[in-house]
Amino acid sequence: MITIAEDRRVLLTGARIFDGRSEHLRDGLDVLVDADGVIAGLGATGTLDAGDARVIDLAGRILSPGLINMHVHLGLALPGTAGAEIASKGDPDLLLVMADSARRTLHAGVTTARLVGESRYLDFALRRGIDAGIIAGPRLYTAGHALCCTGGHGWESDALEGDGADDLRRLTRLQIRHGADLIKVCISGGIAGEHEQIDTPQLTDDEMAAVIQTAHDWGRKVTAHVGPSETLRRAIELGLDCVEHGYELTREVTDLMSERGVWYVPTITVSRCQEFFDAQGVPSWMKERALGAGPRHWESLENAIASGVRIAMGTDMPPAADFDGTTATVREMEFMVDAGMTSLDVMRSATSYAAELLGADDLGVVEVGARADFIATDADPTADVAALRGIDWVMQGGAVLRDDRAGR
C-alpha cells in the first residue's frame, strides 16, 4: 500500500525504538516528523506539541531506521539469459527496469541505496526522478559507471575501460562531471568475467593511484572491487577507502584495513546464492566460480570481523530479490551474524555505520534533524536480525510507503 505524503506533520507513538546507535531499545518515546520529512522532535509519550499532526500508533512494535544497502546495481545484467534480456533494452526500457527495481527495493525496507556501477548514466536520471518525487525509490548515492582496464572486470556490464594513469584519471573526472557521489574501480578479476580469475590483478599502482588521488582531490571516496589480498594491500597503501567483496582476504590484510580505517562491504550472498543464479540463467562457469569461492569468501569475512574492520552491509544482488524465504538484504544480514557479528552490529552496519561511510549524518539514525526513514517489525532485530523477515511497514521522508496491516 502506498500513502501519498500529507502536507502536515506526523506523530509516531507506541513504538520501542532502535535509534541506529544505542545498545538498547528506547522506550516511551514519541517521534514527531515535520511536513518536510525530517524528524522535528523526540520526547516522552504525550509531551511533544504535535498540534494537528496525523498520529500513527505502532502499538509496541519495533521502529528502526530504514535500511541502507551499500552495494546495489539496479540495472544488473549478469552473464546469462536474464542479463542478456536486460542488456538488450534501449535506454527508456532499461530505465523502467531500474525504476521497478528501485520501487521494490524501497518496499523491502531499503530506504537508501549506494549504486556501484550502472549503465549509460541512467542512474543519474533515476536519482533526479526519485529526488523530484515522481518515482518511488530509495535515496540514491551513485558511482556512475565502474572503471576498469581494457577487458577488465565489468567491461561486459558497461564498466568504462581505460589504460594508463591519464586514461583512468580522465574517466574518474568524467563520473564526477555527471554527478558521481563516489568512484568505483575494479582492481582485480571477479566471479562474473569469463576471461579472468578472481585473483587476476588488473590495474597497476600508477593507475590505482591516479583514480584515488583524483577522486580525493574532488572530495570523493573510492571503493574497489577486489578479490586477492596482495592487490588490495597495494591499493590500501595508495589510500583506498573501501573494499567490495574481498573474496580472498588474509588476516594480515584485514589487520591492515582496520589500522588504516578502510571499510568493507562483504556481499557474502554472492558466493552462496545458487537459487538466484539458477533463476537468472547464468552459465555454469560463473556458478562454479562463484560458489567455489564461497568458503574462502566466508573466511575473509571472519578475518575482517576478527580484525575489527568497519563493515557496511551490501548485497550485490537486487536488494528485494527473493532468497531463502526472505529478501537478499535480510539474508545478507543473517549471514553476517552467522559469520560472527552480533545482530546489533549488523543492524548498525545497515544504518548508522553505512550512513557514516556515505558521509550522511542525517541518515541511518533516529535523531532530531535526521530524515524520517523508518521500518517497523514485531520482534527486535537488534536481538535477532531474522526479525527483519517481518518488515511490513516502511516510511520514507515522512510518507508511509508500505503498510501491510492497513485495514486489518
Foldseek 3Di string as FASTA:
>chain_A
DFDDQDQAKEKEDQEFEDFLDDLDTHPQWIWIAGSQQFTADIDGPPPDPRDPHHYDYPNHWYKFFQFEAEEDELLDQFAFDLSVVSVPDDPVVNLVSSLVLQQLLQQLRHQEYEYAAAAPLSVLVVQVCVVVVNGHGHNYQYQYHAEFAVLAPCVVRVRHHDADLVRLLVVLVVSVVSPHQAYEYEQAHDLRRPPHAQQGGTHDLSNLLSNQVSQVVVVHAYEYEHAAQVSVVSNVVSPHAEYEQNLAHDLVSLLVLQVSQHEYANLLVQLPAVVVCVVRRHDPSSNCRSVVSNVNSLVNLLSNVVSVHQYAYHHNPSQQDDGPLGGSRLVSLQSSVVSPDQLQSSLSSGAVSVCVSSVHPQTRGSDGRHRNWIWIFRDDSNRPVVSSSGTFWTDGSNTTGGHPPPPD
